[in-house]
């Protein structure tokens, strides 16, 4: 195996570094000691004083290949942003379909190049807006969707063939996908020209975000069905957005976010392959979603490493032959967990650096958080500043002119290599202990994340981890001069009124017949649940009709607490 540097040169460098440490460094430390920090990345990797060619001597040359070549460490595409910049995809969602549609159009008018949709909690959990569990939550944390009529309002006058659409939803994602398909077909769009994704990543819900409806097995079956349906019917659409972001937001370390996301990926790929579908038929449309935190260089190296690890998993574990099956493409969101209420305007600065790290790490699309998201759904002004942040990076910094501009940095390459090794060590541990689903049921993932979160909380409390405005440079008597996004109870009234109109005009006999068919298909593991769901939403079935029917077949899920 060829390495990057000649042994004679490295031997001489080793002596040079030793001499430097004994002389220049030692002399300088006598006059000016270093800070009493533990010098580590936020993910816990030790950080040396300086990196040299000695730190990259064991990295195989093929791991530092050219962009667009296996293992895609330097980028999934050969020209990256020189051809097309990343998709600027600011998330939006509140109130009714009409309310969010207005925000979509505003963001498009400001230069946004992709749509991303947040849904309210009742929609996420499969409750109709008039369900007792929905009271007070309709349209609050995202847009409310009960029936096809709401979905039509959400995408009114938006050309779905020209703009990609991300639907950030998991337990009820396949129903939203069915509605999206019906809206597109009714408007004459070609399904094979639609681009975007549903999140639909259920395993990370059991691991981190805790929004589920059904037990694990049928939930994974739904993900499988979305993947196989889209492989046949929607060639450009990403049927799952395998999500590390919410694992990170639950408190996981950056390393655990990366490794756990790939563990979930392995499970989904295995489930689809069991159906007899060739891996190269569906793997090119797998997509990913990561958080970008505050440790700038670590995040760049981490994204390079996770791309590298995924490529090797797909090639070596699943025998993928198509390079597109090994090419990890990811959406990134700046880390909401790092945003603060105190001195909230400095969240703009945090977000800018996190966004820059995501771009240097090779993201395919990006959401930058609003400065006021620690308080509420971002206002229009906050979203415009967040979008302008991306546009300044893309248009003014010239970062997009060079592919992988930090490639070749001794530190970046060393940390990338460390990350990849650590990811595979965790994956090996998961395999050795029975696999992802077994360890979710045992609470293994949940305990790792809880331990990470606890350690982070202690580090913030002690000041070991600095958070400006919280434990350093604190302003005691701060006045908040911001206007937060309002919530209107009229959203719930409007939604219930529209839902009742749909119920009055649909044919109840057709709905009942289709719901009985849904039960039969749900009991048959070999069947795909998407076609019957599409028929149901066409006929006017609501989110609640479908979910409540499936609860009678599959039941619900209760987690075993982990301490």
Protein backbone atom coordinates (compact mmCIF):
# COMPACT_ATOMS: atom_id res chain seq x y z
CA UNK A 1 0.00 0.00 0.00
CA UNK A 2 1.50 3.34 -1.05
CA UNK A 3 1.75 6.08 1.57
CA UNK A 4 1.93 9.83 1.17
CA UNK A 5 5.57 10.53 2.14
CA UNK A 6 9.05 9.06 1.75
CA UNK A 7 10.49 7.33 4.85
CA UNK A 8 13.83 9.18 4.75
CA UNK A 9 12.10 12.56 4.63
CA UNK A 10 9.83 11.55 7.52
CA UNK A 11 12.77 10.40 9.63
CA UNK A 12 14.45 13.76 9.19
CA UNK A 13 11.20 15.55 10.00
CA UNK A 14 10.78 13.49 13.15
CA UNK A 15 14.17 14.65 14.42
CA UNK A 16 13.37 18.23 13.47
CA UNK A 17 10.13 18.15 15.47
CA UNK A 18 11.89 16.62 18.50
CA UNK A 19 14.51 19.37 18.40
CA UNK A 20 11.83 22.04 18.05
CA UNK A 21 9.97 20.68 21.10
CA UNK A 22 13.16 20.60 23.24
CA UNK A 23 14.39 24.00 22.22
CA UNK A 24 12.00 26.63 20.77
CA UNK A 25 8.83 25.27 22.40
CA UNK A 26 10.39 24.59 25.82
CA UNK A 27 12.04 28.01 25.89
CA UNK A 28 8.83 29.78 24.92
CA UNK A 29 6.75 27.85 27.48
CA UNK A 30 9.09 29.03 30.23
CA UNK A 31 8.19 32.63 29.37
CA UNK A 32 4.53 32.11 28.40
CA UNK A 33 2.78 28.90 29.48
CA UNK A 34 -0.07 27.53 27.37
CA UNK A 35 -3.68 27.82 28.51
CA UNK A 36 -4.73 25.24 31.09
CA UNK A 37 -7.18 23.66 28.68
CA UNK A 38 -7.77 20.08 27.77
CA UNK A 39 -6.95 20.52 24.11
CA UNK A 40 -9.52 18.33 22.42
CA UNK A 41 -12.15 18.71 19.74
CA UNK A 42 -15.74 19.02 20.92
CA UNK A 43 -16.07 15.38 19.89
CA UNK A 44 -13.32 14.38 22.32
CA UNK A 45 -10.40 13.82 19.94
CA UNK A 46 -7.07 15.02 21.41
CA UNK A 47 -5.57 17.97 19.54
CA UNK A 48 -1.77 18.25 19.17
CA UNK A 49 0.13 21.52 19.25
CA UNK A 50 1.04 21.23 15.58
CA UNK A 51 0.53 18.76 12.75
CA UNK A 52 3.12 17.78 10.18
CA UNK A 53 3.63 15.18 7.47
CA UNK A 54 4.33 12.71 10.29
CA UNK A 55 0.62 12.82 11.14
CA UNK A 56 -0.51 11.73 7.71
CA UNK A 57 2.17 9.12 6.99
CA UNK A 58 -0.18 6.15 7.57
CA UNK A 59 -3.05 7.46 5.43
CA UNK A 60 -3.43 5.41 2.24
CA UNK A 61 -3.09 7.52 -0.90
CA UNK A 62 -6.40 6.19 -2.22
CA UNK A 63 -8.20 7.73 0.78
CA UNK A 64 -7.06 11.17 -0.34
CA UNK A 65 -8.21 10.59 -3.90
CA UNK A 66 -9.56 13.24 -6.25
CA UNK A 67 -13.07 14.69 -5.84
CA UNK A 68 -15.76 12.53 -7.40
CA UNK A 69 -13.60 9.40 -7.08
CA UNK A 70 -13.94 6.56 -4.56
CA UNK A 71 -14.03 6.89 -1.57
CA UNK A 72 -15.32 10.44 -2.20
CA UNK A 73 -13.44 11.91 0.78
CA UNK A 74 -12.79 15.11 -1.13
CA UNK A 75 -16.36 15.50 -2.40
CA UNK A 76 -19.08 13.45 -4.09
CA UNK A 77 -18.72 15.27 -7.43
CA UNK A 78 -15.60 16.21 -9.42
CA UNK A 79 -16.34 19.93 -9.78
CA UNK A 80 -18.52 20.49 -6.70
CA UNK A 81 -19.65 24.13 -6.36
CA UNK A 82 -17.82 25.33 -9.47
CA UNK A 83 -20.70 23.89 -11.49
CA UNK A 84 -23.66 24.29 -9.13
CA UNK A 85 -23.66 25.72 -5.64
CA UNK A 86 -25.27 23.86 -2.80
CA UNK A 87 -29.05 24.12 -2.54
CA UNK A 88 -30.00 26.91 -0.14
CA UNK A 89 -32.91 25.27 1.65
CA UNK A 90 -34.31 27.35 4.50
CA UNK A 91 -36.92 25.37 6.41
CA UNK A 92 -40.40 26.83 6.84
CA UNK A 93 -43.64 25.64 8.32
CA UNK A 94 -46.35 27.17 10.51
CA UNK A 95 -50.09 27.67 10.60
CA UNK A 96 -52.04 26.47 7.59
CA UNK A 97 -50.93 25.39 4.14
CA UNK A 98 -51.72 28.88 2.91
CA UNK A 99 -49.56 30.50 5.63
CA UNK A 100 -46.52 28.39 4.82
CA UNK A 101 -47.07 28.76 1.09
CA UNK A 102 -46.65 32.54 1.52
CA UNK A 103 -43.36 32.01 3.41
CA UNK A 104 -42.16 29.63 0.65
CA UNK A 105 -42.86 32.24 -2.01
CA UNK A 106 -41.14 34.95 0.03
CA UNK A 107 -38.00 32.83 0.43
CA UNK A 108 -37.98 31.95 -3.27
CA UNK A 109 -38.24 35.65 -4.10
CA UNK A 110 -35.19 36.24 -1.89
CA UNK A 111 -33.07 33.72 -3.78
CA UNK A 112 -33.74 30.44 -1.97
CA UNK A 113 -33.13 27.47 -4.28
CA UNK A 114 -34.94 24.62 -2.49
CA UNK A 115 -37.90 24.19 -0.14
CA UNK A 116 -37.89 22.48 3.25
CA UNK A 117 -41.05 21.94 5.25
CA UNK A 118 -41.63 21.65 9.00
CA UNK A 119 -44.90 20.04 10.14
CA UNK A 120 -46.77 20.56 13.39
CA UNK A 121 -46.78 17.92 16.12
CA UNK A 122 -50.26 16.52 15.36
CA UNK A 123 -49.24 15.92 11.73
CA UNK A 124 -45.99 14.29 12.82
CA UNK A 125 -47.84 11.95 15.16
CA UNK A 126 -50.70 11.16 12.80
CA UNK A 127 -53.48 13.01 14.64
CA UNK A 128 -56.13 15.03 12.85
CA UNK A 129 -56.45 18.66 13.92
CA UNK A 130 -59.71 17.99 15.79
CA UNK A 131 -58.25 15.15 17.89
CA UNK A 132 -58.10 15.98 21.63
CA UNK A 133 -54.30 15.44 21.56
CA UNK A 134 -53.97 18.20 18.96
CA UNK A 135 -55.46 21.01 21.00
CA UNK A 136 -53.08 23.96 21.28
CA UNK A 137 -50.56 22.42 18.87
CA UNK A 138 -52.26 22.87 15.50
CA UNK A 139 -49.93 24.90 13.28
CA UNK A 140 -47.74 25.87 16.23
CA UNK A 141 -44.41 24.14 15.54
CA UNK A 142 -44.97 23.61 11.83
CA UNK A 143 -47.64 23.53 9.15
CA UNK A 144 -50.81 21.49 9.84
CA UNK A 145 -51.71 18.84 7.26
CA UNK A 146 -54.84 16.73 7.66
CA UNK A 147 -55.92 15.91 4.12
CA UNK A 148 -54.93 16.31 0.49
CA UNK A 149 -56.62 19.75 0.46
CA UNK A 150 -54.01 21.05 2.90
CA UNK A 151 -51.18 19.70 0.77
CA UNK A 152 -52.64 21.38 -2.31
CA UNK A 153 -52.71 24.70 -0.45
CA UNK A 154 -49.12 24.19 0.75
CA UNK A 155 -47.74 23.93 -2.80
CA UNK A 156 -50.19 26.19 -4.60
CA UNK A 157 -48.58 27.91 -7.65
CA UNK A 158 -45.17 26.30 -7.01
CA UNK A 159 -43.63 24.36 -9.89
CA UNK A 160 -42.66 21.05 -8.32
CA UNK A 161 -40.60 20.03 -11.35
CA UNK A 162 -38.37 23.10 -11.01
CA UNK A 163 -37.71 23.23 -7.27
CA UNK A 164 -36.74 20.40 -4.92
CA UNK A 165 -38.92 19.86 -1.87
CA UNK A 166 -37.86 18.39 1.46
CA UNK A 167 -40.56 17.13 3.83
CA UNK A 168 -39.15 16.95 7.36
CA UNK A 169 -41.38 14.31 8.87
CA UNK A 170 -40.91 10.76 10.10
CA UNK A 171 -43.68 8.65 11.73
CA UNK A 172 -46.32 9.68 9.15
CA UNK A 173 -43.88 10.48 6.32
CA UNK A 174 -45.25 7.96 3.86
CA UNK A 175 -48.71 9.60 4.04
CA UNK A 176 -47.20 12.99 3.22
CA UNK A 177 -45.30 11.37 0.34
CA UNK A 178 -48.60 9.92 -0.92
CA UNK A 179 -50.21 13.38 -0.76
CA UNK A 180 -47.22 14.94 -2.54
CA UNK A 181 -47.52 12.33 -5.32
CA UNK A 182 -51.24 12.98 -5.75
CA UNK A 183 -50.74 16.77 -5.83
CA UNK A 184 -48.05 16.37 -8.50
CA UNK A 185 -50.15 14.00 -10.62
CA UNK A 186 -53.24 16.22 -10.40
CA UNK A 187 -51.17 19.14 -11.66
CA UNK A 188 -49.72 17.12 -14.54
CA UNK A 189 -46.15 16.82 -13.27
CA UNK A 190 -43.95 13.88 -14.23
CA UNK A 191 -43.09 11.91 -11.05
CA UNK A 192 -39.68 11.07 -12.50
CA UNK A 193 -38.87 14.79 -12.69
CA UNK A 194 -39.65 15.53 -9.05
CA UNK A 195 -36.67 16.06 -6.76
CA UNK A 196 -36.40 16.33 -3.02
CA UNK A 197 -36.86 14.02 -0.07
CA UNK A 198 -38.99 12.89 2.78
CA UNK A 199 -37.02 12.38 5.98
CA UNK A 200 -38.78 9.11 6.91
CA UNK A 201 -35.88 7.96 9.12
CA UNK A 202 -37.64 6.05 11.87
CA UNK A 203 -34.69 4.36 13.57
CA UNK A 204 -33.28 7.70 14.72
CA UNK A 205 -36.68 8.43 16.27
CA UNK A 206 -36.32 5.46 18.61
CA UNK A 207 -32.69 6.40 19.23
CA UNK A 208 -33.05 10.15 19.74
CA UNK A 209 -36.05 12.26 18.79
CA UNK A 210 -38.74 10.06 20.38
CA UNK A 211 -41.52 10.73 17.87
CA UNK A 212 -43.02 7.39 16.92
CA UNK A 213 -46.41 5.81 16.38
CA UNK A 214 -45.88 2.12 15.65
CA UNK A 215 -43.44 -0.54 16.91
CA UNK A 216 -39.98 -0.71 15.34
CA UNK A 217 -40.59 -3.54 12.83
CA UNK A 218 -43.55 -2.00 10.95
CA UNK A 219 -41.86 1.41 11.06
CA UNK A 220 -38.78 0.01 9.34
CA UNK A 221 -41.07 -1.78 6.87
CA UNK A 222 -42.60 1.60 5.94
CA UNK A 223 -39.11 3.03 5.27
CA UNK A 224 -38.38 0.01 3.09
CA UNK A 225 -41.63 0.54 1.19
CA UNK A 226 -40.85 4.22 0.56
CA UNK A 227 -37.42 3.28 -0.81
CA UNK A 228 -38.69 0.54 -3.12
CA UNK A 229 -41.67 2.60 -4.34
CA UNK A 230 -39.49 5.58 -5.26
CA UNK A 231 -36.89 3.36 -6.93
CA UNK A 232 -39.61 2.23 -9.34
CA UNK A 233 -41.75 5.37 -9.68
CA UNK A 234 -39.69 8.48 -8.77
CA UNK A 235 -36.20 8.15 -10.19
CA UNK A 236 -34.85 11.52 -8.95
CA UNK A 237 -36.53 11.52 -5.54
CA UNK A 238 -34.77 10.65 -2.28
CA UNK A 239 -37.15 8.34 -0.37
CA UNK A 240 -35.32 8.66 2.94
CA UNK A 241 -33.13 11.32 4.52
CA UNK A 242 -31.08 9.35 7.02
CA UNK A 243 -30.72 11.78 9.84
CA UNK A 244 -27.88 12.42 12.23
CA UNK A 245 -29.12 15.92 13.01
CA UNK A 246 -31.68 14.86 15.61
CA UNK A 247 -29.20 12.42 17.14
CA UNK A 248 -26.89 15.41 17.59
CA UNK A 249 -29.67 17.60 18.96
CA UNK A 250 -30.52 14.93 21.54
CA UNK A 251 -27.01 15.40 22.91
CA UNK A 252 -24.85 12.90 21.03
CA UNK A 253 -21.21 13.66 20.39
CA UNK A 254 -20.25 14.50 16.79
CA UNK A 255 -18.65 11.03 16.49
CA UNK A 256 -21.76 9.23 17.73
CA UNK A 257 -23.93 11.29 15.38
CA UNK A 258 -21.85 10.08 12.42
CA UNK A 259 -21.52 6.44 13.51
CA UNK A 260 -25.13 5.95 14.62
CA UNK A 261 -26.40 7.44 11.35
CA UNK A 262 -24.35 4.91 9.37
CA UNK A 263 -25.57 2.09 11.64
CA UNK A 264 -29.15 3.04 10.75
CA UNK A 265 -28.18 3.19 7.09
CA UNK A 266 -26.86 -0.37 7.19
CA UNK A 267 -30.17 -1.58 8.65
CA UNK A 268 -32.26 0.13 5.96
CA UNK A 269 -30.07 -1.19 3.15
CA UNK A 270 -30.29 -4.71 4.57
CA UNK A 271 -34.09 -4.49 4.73
CA UNK A 272 -34.41 -3.39 1.11
CA UNK A 273 -31.92 -5.96 -0.15
CA UNK A 274 -34.03 -8.66 1.55
CA UNK A 275 -36.85 -7.84 -0.89
CA UNK A 276 -34.62 -8.92 -3.76
CA UNK A 277 -33.90 -5.42 -5.04
CA UNK A 278 -30.34 -4.92 -6.24
CA UNK A 279 -28.43 -2.41 -4.12
CA UNK A 280 -27.49 -0.32 -7.17
CA UNK A 281 -31.19 0.08 -7.98
CA UNK A 282 -31.93 2.18 -4.87
CA UNK A 283 -28.70 3.20 -3.10
CA UNK A 284 -27.95 6.18 -5.40
CA UNK A 285 -31.08 7.92 -4.00
CA UNK A 286 -30.22 7.51 -0.31
CA UNK A 287 -29.63 10.93 1.23
CA UNK A 288 -28.37 12.16 4.58
CA UNK A 289 -28.87 15.00 7.05
CA UNK A 290 -26.25 16.15 9.55
CA UNK A 291 -25.86 18.93 12.07
CA UNK A 292 -22.88 21.25 11.83
CA UNK A 293 -21.60 22.26 15.23
CA UNK A 294 -19.12 24.79 16.56
CA UNK A 295 -15.78 22.98 16.28
CA UNK A 296 -14.91 24.30 12.84
CA UNK A 297 -12.10 21.98 11.69
CA UNK A 298 -13.64 18.94 13.37
CA UNK A 299 -16.86 19.39 11.40
CA UNK A 300 -15.01 19.68 8.09
CA UNK A 301 -13.01 16.51 8.84
CA UNK A 302 -16.10 14.67 10.09
CA UNK A 303 -18.07 15.25 6.91
CA UNK A 304 -15.12 14.06 4.83
CA UNK A 305 -14.78 10.96 7.03
CA UNK A 306 -18.44 9.99 6.98
CA UNK A 307 -18.43 10.22 3.17
CA UNK A 308 -15.36 8.01 3.08
CA UNK A 309 -16.83 5.46 5.52
CA UNK A 310 -20.15 5.25 3.65
CA UNK A 311 -18.38 4.59 0.35
CA UNK A 312 -16.44 1.70 1.87
CA UNK A 313 -19.55 0.25 3.53
CA UNK A 314 -21.49 0.25 0.28
CA UNK A 315 -18.62 -1.21 -1.73
CA UNK A 316 -17.26 -3.77 0.72
CA UNK A 317 -20.33 -4.76 2.74
CA UNK A 318 -23.06 -4.54 0.10
CA UNK A 319 -21.03 -5.14 -3.08
CA UNK A 320 -22.32 -1.99 -4.78
CA UNK A 321 -20.84 -1.53 -8.25
CA UNK A 322 -22.32 1.79 -9.33
CA UNK A 323 -20.18 4.70 -8.02
CA UNK A 324 -23.42 6.63 -7.38
CA UNK A 325 -24.36 3.99 -4.78
CA UNK A 326 -21.21 4.83 -2.82
CA UNK A 327 -21.54 8.62 -3.09
CA UNK A 328 -22.88 10.07 0.15
CA UNK A 329 -24.87 13.26 -0.44
CA UNK A 330 -26.02 15.25 2.55
CA UNK A 331 -28.13 18.16 3.68
CA UNK A 332 -26.77 20.13 6.60
CA UNK A 333 -28.35 22.36 9.20
CA UNK A 334 -26.45 24.61 11.53
CA UNK A 335 -26.81 23.40 15.11
CA UNK A 336 -29.94 24.73 16.78
CA UNK A 337 -28.71 23.40 20.13
CA UNK A 338 -25.87 25.95 20.08
CA UNK A 339 -28.23 28.93 19.81
CA UNK A 340 -28.75 31.07 22.91
CA UNK A 341 -31.44 33.41 24.17
CA UNK A 342 -28.91 35.68 25.90
CA UNK A 343 -27.31 38.00 23.34
CA UNK A 344 -29.37 36.27 20.67
CA UNK A 345 -28.01 38.45 17.85
CA UNK A 346 -24.63 36.73 18.11
CA UNK A 347 -26.39 33.58 16.91
CA UNK A 348 -25.87 35.12 13.45
CA UNK A 349 -22.11 34.77 13.95
CA UNK A 350 -22.36 31.20 15.25
CA UNK A 351 -24.52 30.24 12.32
CA UNK A 352 -22.18 31.83 9.77
CA UNK A 353 -19.16 29.84 10.95
CA UNK A 354 -21.16 26.61 11.13
CA UNK A 355 -22.47 27.20 7.62
CA UNK A 356 -18.95 27.85 6.33
CA UNK A 357 -17.75 24.57 7.88
CA UNK A 358 -20.63 22.71 6.19
CA UNK A 359 -19.66 24.14 2.82
CA UNK A 360 -15.97 23.37 3.32
CA UNK A 361 -17.05 19.85 4.30
CA UNK A 362 -18.92 19.43 1.00
CA UNK A 363 -22.66 19.71 1.81
CA UNK A 364 -25.16 19.39 -1.05
CA UNK A 365 -27.80 21.56 0.61
CA UNK A 366 -27.87 23.78 3.66
CA UNK A 367 -30.26 25.38 6.15
CA UNK A 368 -28.94 28.23 8.28
CA UNK A 369 -30.80 28.86 11.53
CA UNK A 370 -32.52 32.14 12.33
CA UNK A 371 -31.06 34.26 15.11
CA UNK A 372 -34.33 34.06 17.08
CA UNK A 373 -34.92 30.29 16.94
CA UNK A 374 -34.09 29.91 20.64
CA UNK A 375 -37.39 31.75 21.24
CA UNK A 376 -39.80 30.65 18.54
CA UNK A 377 -40.32 29.88 14.86
CA UNK A 378 -38.04 32.38 13.07
CA UNK A 379 -39.50 35.62 11.85
CA UNK A 380 -39.33 36.65 8.21
CA UNK A 381 -36.45 39.02 8.96
CA UNK A 382 -34.47 36.32 10.78
CA UNK A 383 -34.94 33.93 7.88
CA UNK A 384 -33.79 36.56 5.39
CA UNK A 385 -30.59 37.19 7.38
CA UNK A 386 -30.00 33.43 7.60
CA UNK A 387 -30.46 33.08 3.84
CA UNK A 388 -28.19 36.08 3.18
CA UNK A 389 -25.55 34.34 5.33
CA UNK A 390 -25.47 31.47 2.85
CA UNK A 391 -25.50 33.85 -0.10
CA UNK A 392 -22.48 35.77 1.26
CA UNK A 393 -20.57 32.50 1.65
CA UNK A 394 -21.55 31.44 -1.86
CA UNK A 395 -21.12 34.76 -3.65
CA UNK A 396 -18.51 36.79 -1.74
CA UNK A 397 -15.97 34.50 -0.05
CA UNK A 398 -14.85 32.61 -3.20
CA UNK A 399 -14.90 29.40 -1.14
CA UNK A 400 -16.99 27.81 -3.89
CA UNK A 401 -14.23 28.32 -6.46
CA UNK A 402 -12.05 25.45 -5.22
CA UNK A 403 -13.01 21.84 -4.56
CA UNK A 404 -12.10 20.70 -1.01
CA UNK A 405 -9.96 23.78 -0.23
CA UNK A 406 -8.85 22.40 3.17
CA UNK A 407 -7.77 19.07 1.68
CA UNK A 408 -4.09 18.45 2.31
CA UNK A 409 -4.07 20.20 5.67
CA UNK A 410 -2.11 17.89 7.98
CA UNK A 411 -4.64 18.49 10.75
CA UNK A 412 -7.70 17.98 8.55
CA UNK A 413 -6.34 14.80 6.96
CA UNK A 414 -5.23 13.37 10.31
CA UNK A 415 -8.58 14.09 11.95
CA UNK A 416 -10.48 12.72 8.95
CA UNK A 417 -8.50 9.49 9.29
CA UNK A 418 -9.09 9.32 13.06
CA UNK A 419 -12.80 9.87 12.55
CA UNK A 420 -13.12 7.11 9.97
CA UNK A 421 -11.29 4.60 12.19
CA UNK A 422 -13.48 5.52 15.17
CA UNK A 423 -16.68 5.24 13.13
CA UNK A 424 -15.78 1.71 12.06
CA UNK A 425 -14.85 0.74 15.64
CA UNK A 426 -18.35 1.75 16.77
CA UNK A 427 -20.00 -0.05 13.84
CA UNK A 428 -18.02 -3.20 14.66
CA UNK A 429 -19.21 -2.97 18.27
CA UNK A 430 -22.83 -2.65 17.11
CA UNK A 431 -22.48 -5.69 14.83
CA UNK A 432 -20.80 -7.74 17.55
CA UNK A 433 -23.66 -7.04 19.95
CA UNK A 434 -26.56 -7.99 17.72
CA UNK A 435 -27.12 -5.05 15.39
CA UNK A 436 -28.96 -1.75 15.44
CA UNK A 437 -32.54 -2.84 16.17
CA UNK A 438 -31.53 -5.16 19.02
CA UNK A 439 -29.44 -2.42 20.62
CA UNK A 440 -32.25 0.13 20.26
CA UNK A 441 -34.56 -2.27 22.10
CA UNK A 442 -31.93 -2.67 24.82
CA UNK A 443 -31.42 1.09 25.13
CA UNK A 444 -27.74 0.98 24.17
CA UNK A 445 -27.89 3.94 21.77
CA UNK A 446 -30.09 5.92 24.11
CA UNK A 447 -27.65 5.47 27.00
CA UNK A 448 -24.68 6.57 24.88
CA UNK A 449 -26.51 9.75 23.88
CA UNK A 450 -27.64 10.44 27.46
CA UNK A 451 -24.05 10.06 28.68
CA UNK A 452 -22.80 12.42 25.96
CA UNK A 453 -25.46 15.00 26.84
CA UNK A 454 -24.65 14.79 30.55
CA UNK A 455 -20.92 15.28 29.94
CA UNK A 456 -21.65 18.30 27.73
CA UNK A 457 -23.93 19.81 30.37
CA UNK A 458 -21.21 19.41 33.03
CA UNK A 459 -18.61 20.96 30.71
CA UNK A 460 -20.84 24.00 30.13
CA UNK A 461 -21.60 24.33 33.83
CA UNK A 462 -17.91 24.21 34.77
CA UNK A 463 -16.89 26.56 31.96
CA UNK A 464 -14.71 23.92 30.33
CA UNK A 465 -16.92 24.30 27.25
CA UNK A 466 -17.32 28.01 26.57
CA UNK A 467 -20.68 29.39 25.47
CA UNK A 468 -20.57 33.15 25.01
CA UNK A 469 -23.42 34.82 26.87
CA UNK A 470 -24.03 31.75 29.05
CA UNK A 471 -20.81 31.07 30.96
CA UNK A 472 -18.48 33.76 29.58
CA UNK A 473 -18.96 37.44 28.69
CA UNK A 474 -22.37 37.31 30.35
CA UNK A 475 -24.58 40.40 30.36
CA UNK A 476 -26.51 40.38 33.62
CA UNK A 477 -29.25 42.87 32.81
CA UNK A 478 -30.05 42.12 29.22
CA UNK A 479 -33.20 43.42 27.57
CA UNK A 480 -34.70 41.45 24.68
CA UNK A 481 -35.77 43.75 21.89
CA UNK A 482 -37.11 41.20 19.45
CA UNK A 483 -40.48 40.46 17.97
CA UNK A 484 -41.22 36.73 17.96
CA UNK A 485 -43.31 34.87 15.43
CA UNK A 486 -46.98 35.01 16.53
CA UNK A 487 -49.23 31.98 17.00
CA UNK A 488 -52.87 32.24 15.98
CA UNK A 489 -55.63 30.03 17.36
CA UNK A 490 -57.44 30.72 14.09
CA UNK A 491 -55.16 28.13 12.48
CA UNK A 492 -56.86 25.37 14.46
CA UNK A 493 -60.33 26.69 13.67
CA UNK A 494 -59.51 26.94 9.96
CA UNK A 495 -58.00 23.46 9.86
CA UNK A 496 -60.96 21.82 11.59
CA UNK A 497 -63.38 23.64 9.30
CA UNK A 498 -61.54 22.44 6.18
CA UNK A 499 -61.23 18.91 7.56
CA UNK A 500 -64.98 18.75 8.18
CA UNK A 501 -65.71 19.98 4.66
CA UNK A 502 -63.62 17.14 3.25
CA UNK A 503 -65.43 14.63 5.45
CA UNK A 504 -68.79 15.95 4.25
CA UNK A 505 -67.94 15.69 0.55
CA UNK A 506 -66.09 12.36 0.38
CA UNK A 507 -67.74 8.95 -0.07
CA UNK A 508 -67.65 7.12 3.29
CA UNK A 509 -68.21 3.71 1.67
CA UNK A 510 -65.14 4.11 -0.54
CA UNK A 511 -63.09 5.26 2.46
CA UNK A 512 -64.18 2.26 4.53
CA UNK A 513 -63.44 -0.20 1.73
CA UNK A 514 -59.98 1.25 1.22
CA UNK A 515 -59.24 1.21 4.96
CA UNK A 516 -60.10 -2.50 5.06
CA UNK A 517 -57.69 -3.06 2.17
CA UNK A 518 -55.08 -1.10 4.11
CA UNK A 519 -55.42 -3.53 7.04
CA UNK A 520 -54.95 -6.52 4.75
CA UNK A 521 -51.86 -5.05 3.12
CA UNK A 522 -50.41 -4.05 6.50
CA UNK A 523 -50.56 -7.70 7.58
CA UNK A 524 -48.75 -8.88 4.44
CA UNK A 525 -45.02 -8.09 4.78
CA UNK A 526 -44.44 -8.69 1.07
CA UNK A 527 -46.77 -5.86 0.00
CA UNK A 528 -45.89 -2.20 -0.41
CA UNK A 529 -48.05 0.16 1.62
CA UNK A 530 -47.64 3.23 -0.63
CA UNK A 531 -50.14 2.40 -3.44
CA UNK A 532 -53.10 1.87 -1.08
CA UNK A 533 -52.13 5.01 0.86
CA UNK A 534 -52.16 7.00 -2.39
CA UNK A 535 -55.66 5.69 -3.15
CA UNK A 536 -56.83 6.66 0.33
CA UNK A 537 -55.60 10.27 0.17
CA UNK A 538 -57.12 10.62 -3.31
CA UNK A 539 -60.47 9.53 -1.87
CA UNK A 540 -60.25 12.13 0.93
CA UNK A 541 -58.96 10.03 3.81
CA UNK A 542 -57.31 12.05 6.56
CA UNK A 543 -54.02 11.51 8.30
CA UNK A 544 -55.92 10.30 11.36
CA UNK A 545 -58.07 7.85 9.38
CA UNK A 546 -55.00 6.05 8.08
CA UNK A 547 -52.94 6.08 11.27
CA UNK A 548 -55.75 5.03 13.62
CA UNK A 549 -56.62 2.14 11.30
CA UNK A 550 -53.02 0.90 11.30
CA UNK A 551 -52.85 1.12 15.10
CA UNK A 552 -55.52 -1.61 15.22
CA UNK A 553 -53.20 -3.85 13.18
CA UNK A 554 -49.70 -2.96 14.36
CA UNK A 555 -50.35 -1.49 17.80
CA UNK A 556 -48.19 1.28 19.26
CA UNK A 557 -44.77 1.48 20.88
CA UNK A 558 -43.60 2.23 24.40
CA UNK A 559 -39.92 2.65 25.12
CA UNK A 560 -38.18 0.92 28.01
CA UNK A 561 -36.62 3.78 30.03
CA UNK A 562 -32.82 3.91 30.25
CA UNK A 563 -30.99 5.30 33.28
